[in-house]
Protein backbone atom coordinates (compact mmCIF):
# COMPACT_ATOMS: atom_id res chain seq x y z
CA UNK A 1 0.07 0.15 -0.04
CA UNK A 2 1.46 3.42 -1.10
CA UNK A 3 1.08 6.39 1.08
CA UNK A 4 0.30 9.75 -0.16
CA UNK A 5 3.03 12.34 0.65
CA UNK A 6 2.46 15.96 0.92
CA UNK A 7 5.24 18.56 0.68
CA UNK A 8 4.98 22.30 1.67
CA UNK A 9 7.15 23.30 -1.32
CA UNK A 10 9.29 21.87 -4.23
CA UNK A 11 12.39 22.03 -1.87
CA UNK A 12 10.96 19.63 0.68
CA UNK A 13 9.71 17.29 -2.15
CA UNK A 14 13.09 17.22 -3.72
CA UNK A 15 14.98 16.70 -0.44
CA UNK A 16 12.75 13.77 0.40
CA UNK A 17 13.39 12.29 -2.83
CA UNK A 18 17.36 12.74 -2.42
CA UNK A 19 16.89 11.26 1.06
CA UNK A 20 14.94 8.24 -0.09
CA UNK A 21 17.05 7.64 -3.24
CA UNK A 22 20.22 8.47 -1.53
CA UNK A 23 21.22 10.32 -4.73
CA UNK A 24 22.30 14.05 -4.90
CA UNK A 25 19.76 16.49 -6.32
CA UNK A 26 20.46 20.03 -7.36
CA UNK A 27 17.59 22.40 -8.18
CA UNK A 28 18.16 25.17 -10.28
CA UNK A 29 16.72 28.36 -9.08
CA UNK A 30 13.66 29.45 -10.89
CA UNK A 31 14.87 32.94 -10.57
CA UNK A 32 16.88 34.10 -13.63
CA UNK A 33 18.86 37.10 -13.88
CA UNK A 34 18.29 37.81 -17.59
CA UNK A 35 16.92 41.19 -16.73
CA UNK A 36 19.53 42.08 -14.18
CA UNK A 37 21.15 45.30 -13.90
CA UNK A 38 24.38 43.69 -13.13
CA UNK A 39 25.04 40.82 -15.35
CA UNK A 40 28.82 40.74 -14.59
CA UNK A 41 27.88 40.15 -10.81
CA UNK A 42 25.35 37.46 -11.66
CA UNK A 43 27.98 35.18 -13.23
CA UNK A 44 29.83 35.23 -9.94
CA UNK A 45 26.75 34.62 -7.91
CA UNK A 46 25.50 31.72 -10.11
CA UNK A 47 29.16 29.98 -9.72
CA UNK A 48 28.98 30.47 -5.96
CA UNK A 49 25.54 29.01 -5.86
CA UNK A 50 26.44 26.12 -7.92
CA UNK A 51 29.47 25.04 -5.92
CA UNK A 52 27.60 25.64 -2.61
CA UNK A 53 24.70 23.30 -3.76
CA UNK A 54 27.44 20.66 -4.73
CA UNK A 55 29.33 21.02 -1.72
CA UNK A 56 26.27 20.79 0.66
CA UNK A 57 24.99 17.72 -1.24
CA UNK A 58 28.20 15.88 -1.05
CA UNK A 59 28.76 16.73 2.65
CA UNK A 60 25.20 15.77 3.85
CA UNK A 61 25.33 12.50 2.05
CA UNK A 62 27.72 11.25 4.31
CA UNK A 63 26.01 12.45 7.72
CA UNK A 64 23.50 10.32 9.61
CA UNK A 65 20.96 12.73 11.07
CA UNK A 66 17.38 12.79 12.49
CA UNK A 67 16.91 15.80 10.56
CA UNK A 68 14.82 14.63 7.45
CA UNK A 69 15.68 17.82 5.32
CA UNK A 70 19.41 17.77 5.79
CA UNK A 71 20.39 19.95 2.80
CA UNK A 72 17.79 22.60 3.30
CA UNK A 73 19.00 22.93 6.96
CA UNK A 74 22.68 23.33 6.13
CA UNK A 75 21.79 25.75 3.21
CA UNK A 76 19.68 28.06 5.67
CA UNK A 77 22.29 27.79 8.32
CA UNK A 78 25.14 28.90 6.08
CA UNK A 79 23.01 31.81 4.72
CA UNK A 80 22.74 33.08 8.22
CA UNK A 81 26.45 32.62 8.79
CA UNK A 82 27.27 34.35 5.52
CA UNK A 83 24.73 37.33 6.19
CA UNK A 84 26.70 38.01 9.50
CA UNK A 85 30.06 37.88 7.63
CA UNK A 86 29.20 40.18 4.73
């Protein structure tokens, strides 16, 4: 018997899929910078975001935790830390 799963957002659903399958999942942001005033800086931001997502996915894969949404948690904590640093 299958159970219907409900998620608050796409990130939760994708994290659940990653946890269940054990595979890394990187979701490209729906926000694009095509109309940005500063495309020269968008390139840097996209590179940092890509590197960060890959680092988080790789790191949390190795960690046992009761937290069901490990990647989301690590991302949110990293953002908090970076906000304080910049």
